[in-house]
């Protein structure tokens, strides 16, 4: 069982993301009652649930797991969840690609102006 499910935090995160409980339950493949069990610490999130919720709520997986009470801080663990590190690296790469595209466009415009 979950150690502590922060229902208020999840309710606010869903509200902020504009996602209903019914929509979340559907994405998790759960009934409304099964989702409600999570909020009452009667049903623990699976790893897949954490991944899906992190994507829907645009929050780190570690935060989702912590707020759901399924993770225990462990100083010996790596600083970052491996999947979270991959997502962060992907975000940085996407930002760099966007910057490169802008520079290419600017260069093309400047080259066109000089001709």
N, C-alpha and C. Protein backbone atom coordinates (compact mmCIF):
# COMPACT_ATOMS: atom_id res chain seq x y z
N UNK A 1 0.83 -1.19 0.00
CA UNK A 1 0.00 0.00 0.00
C UNK A 1 0.87 1.25 0.00
N UNK A 2 0.31 2.29 -0.49
CA UNK A 2 1.01 3.57 -0.49
C UNK A 2 1.20 4.05 0.95
N UNK A 3 2.30 4.73 1.18
CA UNK A 3 2.55 5.26 2.51
C UNK A 3 1.69 6.48 2.78
N UNK A 4 1.50 7.31 1.76
CA UNK A 4 0.69 8.50 1.92
C UNK A 4 0.41 9.08 0.54
N UNK A 5 -0.83 9.13 0.16
CA UNK A 5 -1.24 9.69 -1.13
C UNK A 5 -1.74 11.11 -0.87
N UNK A 6 -1.08 12.07 -1.46
CA UNK A 6 -1.42 13.48 -1.25
C UNK A 6 -2.57 13.87 -2.20
N UNK A 7 -3.78 13.53 -1.81
CA UNK A 7 -4.96 13.74 -2.65
C UNK A 7 -5.15 15.21 -3.00
N UNK A 8 -4.96 16.09 -2.04
CA UNK A 8 -5.14 17.53 -2.32
C UNK A 8 -4.17 18.01 -3.39
N UNK A 9 -2.92 17.54 -3.31
CA UNK A 9 -1.93 17.94 -4.31
C UNK A 9 -2.33 17.43 -5.70
N UNK A 10 -2.75 16.16 -5.77
CA UNK A 10 -3.16 15.60 -7.06
C UNK A 10 -4.40 16.30 -7.60
N UNK A 11 -5.36 16.60 -6.73
CA UNK A 11 -6.56 17.32 -7.18
C UNK A 11 -6.18 18.67 -7.78
N UNK A 12 -5.27 19.38 -7.13
CA UNK A 12 -4.84 20.70 -7.63
C UNK A 12 -4.04 20.55 -8.93
N UNK A 13 -3.18 19.55 -8.99
CA UNK A 13 -2.38 19.32 -10.20
C UNK A 13 -3.29 18.99 -11.39
N UNK A 14 -4.32 18.18 -11.16
CA UNK A 14 -5.29 17.87 -12.22
C UNK A 14 -6.02 19.13 -12.65
N UNK A 15 -6.45 19.92 -11.69
CA UNK A 15 -7.16 21.16 -11.99
C UNK A 15 -6.28 22.10 -12.81
N UNK A 16 -5.02 22.25 -12.39
CA UNK A 16 -4.08 23.11 -13.10
C UNK A 16 -3.85 22.64 -14.53
N UNK A 17 -3.87 21.34 -14.73
CA UNK A 17 -3.64 20.77 -16.06
C UNK A 17 -4.92 20.69 -16.89
N UNK A 18 -6.07 21.01 -16.26
CA UNK A 18 -7.34 20.95 -16.97
C UNK A 18 -7.78 19.53 -17.28
N UNK A 19 -7.45 18.62 -16.39
CA UNK A 19 -7.76 17.20 -16.59
C UNK A 19 -8.77 16.76 -15.52
N UNK A 20 -9.82 16.10 -15.94
CA UNK A 20 -10.82 15.61 -15.00
C UNK A 20 -10.38 14.28 -14.41
N UNK A 21 -10.99 13.93 -13.28
CA UNK A 21 -10.72 12.62 -12.69
C UNK A 21 -11.12 11.50 -13.65
N UNK A 22 -12.23 11.70 -14.34
CA UNK A 22 -12.70 10.68 -15.28
C UNK A 22 -11.70 10.49 -16.42
N UNK A 23 -11.13 11.59 -16.92
CA UNK A 23 -10.15 11.51 -18.00
C UNK A 23 -8.89 10.80 -17.51
N UNK A 24 -8.46 11.14 -16.29
CA UNK A 24 -7.28 10.48 -15.73
C UNK A 24 -7.52 8.99 -15.56
N UNK A 25 -8.67 8.65 -15.01
CA UNK A 25 -9.00 7.22 -14.83
C UNK A 25 -8.96 6.49 -16.17
N UNK A 26 -9.53 7.12 -17.19
CA UNK A 26 -9.53 6.51 -18.52
C UNK A 26 -8.13 6.28 -19.05
N UNK A 27 -7.26 7.28 -18.89
CA UNK A 27 -5.87 7.15 -19.37
C UNK A 27 -5.11 6.07 -18.60
N UNK A 28 -5.46 5.89 -17.32
CA UNK A 28 -4.80 4.87 -16.51
C UNK A 28 -5.43 3.49 -16.68
N UNK A 29 -6.55 3.45 -17.40
CA UNK A 29 -7.26 2.18 -17.58
C UNK A 29 -7.97 1.73 -16.32
N UNK A 30 -8.43 2.70 -15.54
CA UNK A 30 -9.09 2.40 -14.27
C UNK A 30 -10.53 2.90 -14.30
N UNK A 31 -11.33 2.37 -13.41
CA UNK A 31 -12.67 2.92 -13.21
C UNK A 31 -12.53 4.12 -12.26
N UNK A 32 -13.58 4.90 -12.17
CA UNK A 32 -13.58 6.01 -11.22
C UNK A 32 -13.39 5.54 -9.79
N UNK A 33 -14.01 4.39 -9.46
CA UNK A 33 -13.87 3.84 -8.11
C UNK A 33 -12.43 3.42 -7.83
N UNK A 34 -11.78 2.82 -8.83
CA UNK A 34 -10.39 2.40 -8.65
C UNK A 34 -9.48 3.62 -8.46
N UNK A 35 -9.74 4.68 -9.21
CA UNK A 35 -8.97 5.90 -9.05
C UNK A 35 -9.20 6.49 -7.65
N UNK A 36 -10.44 6.47 -7.20
CA UNK A 36 -10.75 6.99 -5.86
C UNK A 36 -10.02 6.19 -4.78
N UNK A 37 -9.83 4.89 -5.01
CA UNK A 37 -9.10 4.06 -4.04
C UNK A 37 -7.67 4.56 -3.86
N UNK A 38 -7.07 5.07 -4.95
CA UNK A 38 -5.72 5.63 -4.83
C UNK A 38 -5.71 6.80 -3.85
N UNK A 39 -6.71 7.65 -3.97
CA UNK A 39 -6.80 8.82 -3.11
C UNK A 39 -7.02 8.49 -1.65
N UNK A 40 -7.47 7.26 -1.39
CA UNK A 40 -7.72 6.83 0.00
C UNK A 40 -6.65 5.85 0.48
N UNK A 41 -5.53 5.79 -0.25
CA UNK A 41 -4.43 4.87 0.09
C UNK A 41 -4.87 3.40 0.10
N UNK A 42 -5.83 3.08 -0.73
CA UNK A 42 -6.29 1.69 -0.82
C UNK A 42 -5.81 1.02 -2.09
N UNK A 43 -5.14 1.79 -2.94
CA UNK A 43 -4.61 1.26 -4.18
C UNK A 43 -3.33 2.02 -4.50
N UNK A 44 -2.23 1.31 -4.71
CA UNK A 44 -0.94 1.93 -4.99
C UNK A 44 -0.76 2.12 -6.49
N UNK A 45 -0.11 3.22 -6.86
CA UNK A 45 0.20 3.46 -8.26
C UNK A 45 1.24 2.45 -8.74
N UNK A 46 1.10 2.03 -9.98
CA UNK A 46 2.12 1.20 -10.60
C UNK A 46 3.15 2.10 -11.27
N UNK A 47 4.24 1.53 -11.73
CA UNK A 47 5.25 2.31 -12.45
C UNK A 47 4.64 2.94 -13.69
N UNK A 48 3.79 2.19 -14.40
CA UNK A 48 3.13 2.74 -15.58
C UNK A 48 2.22 3.91 -15.21
N UNK A 49 1.51 3.80 -14.08
CA UNK A 49 0.65 4.90 -13.63
C UNK A 49 1.48 6.17 -13.41
N UNK A 50 2.64 6.00 -12.80
CA UNK A 50 3.51 7.15 -12.51
C UNK A 50 3.96 7.80 -13.82
N UNK A 51 4.35 7.00 -14.79
CA UNK A 51 4.81 7.53 -16.09
C UNK A 51 3.69 8.28 -16.78
N UNK A 52 2.51 7.70 -16.81
CA UNK A 52 1.36 8.33 -17.47
C UNK A 52 0.99 9.64 -16.76
N UNK A 53 0.92 9.59 -15.45
CA UNK A 53 0.54 10.80 -14.70
C UNK A 53 1.59 11.90 -14.85
N UNK A 54 2.86 11.53 -14.86
CA UNK A 54 3.92 12.53 -15.03
C UNK A 54 3.76 13.23 -16.37
N UNK A 55 3.44 12.46 -17.41
CA UNK A 55 3.24 13.06 -18.72
C UNK A 55 2.01 13.95 -18.77
N UNK A 56 0.92 13.48 -18.20
CA UNK A 56 -0.33 14.26 -18.22
C UNK A 56 -0.22 15.54 -17.41
N UNK A 57 0.43 15.44 -16.27
CA UNK A 57 0.51 16.59 -15.36
C UNK A 57 1.75 17.45 -15.62
N UNK A 58 2.60 16.99 -16.55
CA UNK A 58 3.83 17.70 -16.87
C UNK A 58 4.67 17.94 -15.61
N UNK A 59 4.82 16.87 -14.84
CA UNK A 59 5.59 16.91 -13.59
C UNK A 59 6.61 15.79 -13.63
N UNK A 60 7.71 15.91 -12.92
CA UNK A 60 8.70 14.84 -12.88
C UNK A 60 8.12 13.56 -12.27
N UNK A 61 8.55 12.44 -12.79
CA UNK A 61 8.08 11.15 -12.27
C UNK A 61 8.40 11.00 -10.79
N UNK A 62 9.56 11.49 -10.38
CA UNK A 62 9.92 11.38 -8.97
C UNK A 62 8.94 12.14 -8.08
N UNK A 63 8.45 13.28 -8.56
CA UNK A 63 7.48 14.06 -7.78
C UNK A 63 6.15 13.31 -7.69
N UNK A 64 5.72 12.73 -8.81
CA UNK A 64 4.47 11.96 -8.81
C UNK A 64 4.58 10.81 -7.82
N UNK A 65 5.68 10.06 -7.90
CA UNK A 65 5.86 8.92 -6.99
C UNK A 65 5.90 9.37 -5.54
N UNK A 66 6.60 10.46 -5.28
CA UNK A 66 6.69 10.98 -3.91
C UNK A 66 5.31 11.39 -3.39
N UNK A 67 4.55 12.14 -4.21
CA UNK A 67 3.23 12.62 -3.78
C UNK A 67 2.23 11.47 -3.63
N UNK A 68 2.50 10.36 -4.35
CA UNK A 68 1.62 9.20 -4.24
C UNK A 68 2.03 8.30 -3.09
N UNK A 69 3.17 8.61 -2.46
CA UNK A 69 3.61 7.81 -1.33
C UNK A 69 4.24 6.50 -1.70
N UNK A 70 4.68 6.37 -2.95
CA UNK A 70 5.27 5.10 -3.36
C UNK A 70 6.79 5.16 -3.43
N UNK A 71 7.36 6.30 -3.08
CA UNK A 71 8.82 6.39 -3.09
C UNK A 71 9.30 6.84 -1.73
N UNK A 72 10.42 6.33 -1.35
CA UNK A 72 11.04 6.72 -0.09
C UNK A 72 12.38 7.35 -0.42
N UNK A 73 12.63 8.56 0.06
CA UNK A 73 13.92 9.19 -0.22
C UNK A 73 15.06 8.29 0.21
N UNK A 74 16.05 8.16 -0.64
CA UNK A 74 17.20 7.33 -0.37
C UNK A 74 18.45 8.08 -0.83
N UNK A 75 19.24 8.62 0.10
CA UNK A 75 20.39 9.42 -0.30
C UNK A 75 21.41 8.65 -1.12
N UNK A 76 21.42 7.34 -1.03
CA UNK A 76 22.39 6.54 -1.77
C UNK A 76 22.01 6.43 -3.25
N UNK A 77 20.77 6.73 -3.59
CA UNK A 77 20.33 6.63 -4.98
C UNK A 77 20.93 7.75 -5.80
N UNK A 78 20.88 7.58 -7.10
CA UNK A 78 21.36 8.62 -8.00
C UNK A 78 20.56 9.89 -7.78
N UNK A 79 21.14 11.02 -8.17
CA UNK A 79 20.47 12.29 -7.99
C UNK A 79 19.16 12.37 -8.75
N UNK A 80 19.06 11.65 -9.86
CA UNK A 80 17.90 11.80 -10.73
C UNK A 80 17.44 10.43 -11.21
N UNK A 81 16.16 10.26 -11.33
CA UNK A 81 15.59 9.07 -11.92
C UNK A 81 16.11 8.95 -13.35
N UNK A 82 16.58 7.78 -13.79
CA UNK A 82 17.13 7.64 -15.15
C UNK A 82 16.17 8.12 -16.23
N UNK A 83 14.89 7.81 -16.11
CA UNK A 83 13.93 8.27 -17.12
C UNK A 83 13.79 9.78 -17.08
N UNK A 84 13.81 10.35 -15.90
CA UNK A 84 13.71 11.81 -15.78
C UNK A 84 14.93 12.45 -16.43
N UNK A 85 16.10 11.85 -16.24
CA UNK A 85 17.31 12.38 -16.87
C UNK A 85 17.19 12.34 -18.39
N UNK A 86 16.62 11.27 -18.92
CA UNK A 86 16.42 11.17 -20.37
C UNK A 86 15.47 12.26 -20.85
N UNK A 87 14.37 12.47 -20.13
CA UNK A 87 13.42 13.53 -20.51
C UNK A 87 14.08 14.90 -20.46
N UNK A 88 14.90 15.14 -19.45
CA UNK A 88 15.59 16.42 -19.35
C UNK A 88 16.57 16.61 -20.51
N UNK A 89 17.32 15.56 -20.83
CA UNK A 89 18.26 15.64 -21.95
C UNK A 89 17.52 15.87 -23.26
N UNK A 90 16.39 15.19 -23.44
CA UNK A 90 15.59 15.37 -24.64
C UNK A 90 15.09 16.81 -24.75
N UNK A 91 14.65 17.37 -23.65
CA UNK A 91 14.18 18.76 -23.65
C UNK A 91 15.30 19.71 -24.04
N UNK A 92 16.50 19.47 -23.49
CA UNK A 92 17.64 20.32 -23.84
C UNK A 92 17.98 20.19 -25.32
N UNK A 93 17.95 18.97 -25.86
CA UNK A 93 18.25 18.76 -27.28
C UNK A 93 17.21 19.45 -28.17
N UNK A 94 15.94 19.34 -27.78
CA UNK A 94 14.90 20.01 -28.56
C UNK A 94 15.09 21.52 -28.56
N UNK A 95 15.50 22.07 -27.43
CA UNK A 95 15.75 23.50 -27.37
C UNK A 95 16.94 23.88 -28.26
N UNK A 96 17.97 23.06 -28.27
CA UNK A 96 19.13 23.34 -29.11
C UNK A 96 18.77 23.25 -30.59
N UNK A 97 17.96 22.26 -30.96
CA UNK A 97 17.53 22.13 -32.35
C UNK A 97 16.72 23.35 -32.76
N UNK A 98 15.85 23.82 -31.88
CA UNK A 98 15.06 25.01 -32.16
C UNK A 98 15.97 26.22 -32.39
N UNK A 99 16.98 26.37 -31.54
CA UNK A 99 17.93 27.48 -31.69
C UNK A 99 18.68 27.38 -33.01
N UNK A 100 19.11 26.18 -33.36
CA UNK A 100 19.82 25.98 -34.63
C UNK A 100 18.92 26.31 -35.82
N UNK A 101 17.66 25.92 -35.76
CA UNK A 101 16.73 26.24 -36.85
C UNK A 101 16.57 27.75 -37.00
N UNK A 102 16.48 28.45 -35.87
CA UNK A 102 16.36 29.91 -35.93
C UNK A 102 17.60 30.54 -36.55
N UNK A 103 18.78 30.03 -36.19
CA UNK A 103 20.02 30.57 -36.75
C UNK A 103 20.10 30.30 -38.25
N UNK A 104 19.67 29.13 -38.67
CA UNK A 104 19.67 28.79 -40.10
C UNK A 104 18.74 29.72 -40.86
N UNK A 105 17.55 29.96 -40.30
CA UNK A 105 16.60 30.88 -40.95
C UNK A 105 17.18 32.29 -41.04
N UNK A 106 17.77 32.75 -39.95
CA UNK A 106 18.36 34.09 -39.94
C UNK A 106 19.48 34.19 -40.98
N UNK A 107 20.30 33.16 -41.05
CA UNK A 107 21.40 33.13 -42.00
C UNK A 107 20.88 33.14 -43.43
N UNK A 108 19.82 32.37 -43.68
CA UNK A 108 19.23 32.32 -45.01
C UNK A 108 18.65 33.68 -45.39
N UNK A 109 17.99 34.35 -44.45
CA UNK A 109 17.44 35.67 -44.72
C UNK A 109 18.54 36.69 -45.00
N UNK A 110 19.61 36.64 -44.23
CA UNK A 110 20.72 37.57 -44.42
C UNK A 110 21.42 37.32 -45.76
N UNK A 111 21.57 36.05 -46.11
CA UNK A 111 22.19 35.71 -47.40
C UNK A 111 21.31 36.18 -48.55
N UNK A 112 20.02 36.06 -48.39
CA UNK A 112 19.07 36.51 -49.42
C UNK A 112 19.08 38.01 -49.56
N UNK A 113 19.27 38.74 -48.47
CA UNK A 113 19.30 40.20 -48.50
C UNK A 113 20.54 40.72 -49.20
N UNK A 114 21.65 39.99 -49.06
CA UNK A 114 22.91 40.43 -49.65
C UNK A 114 22.96 40.17 -51.15
N UNK A 115 22.17 39.25 -51.64
CA UNK A 115 22.22 38.89 -53.06
C UNK A 115 21.60 39.95 -53.93
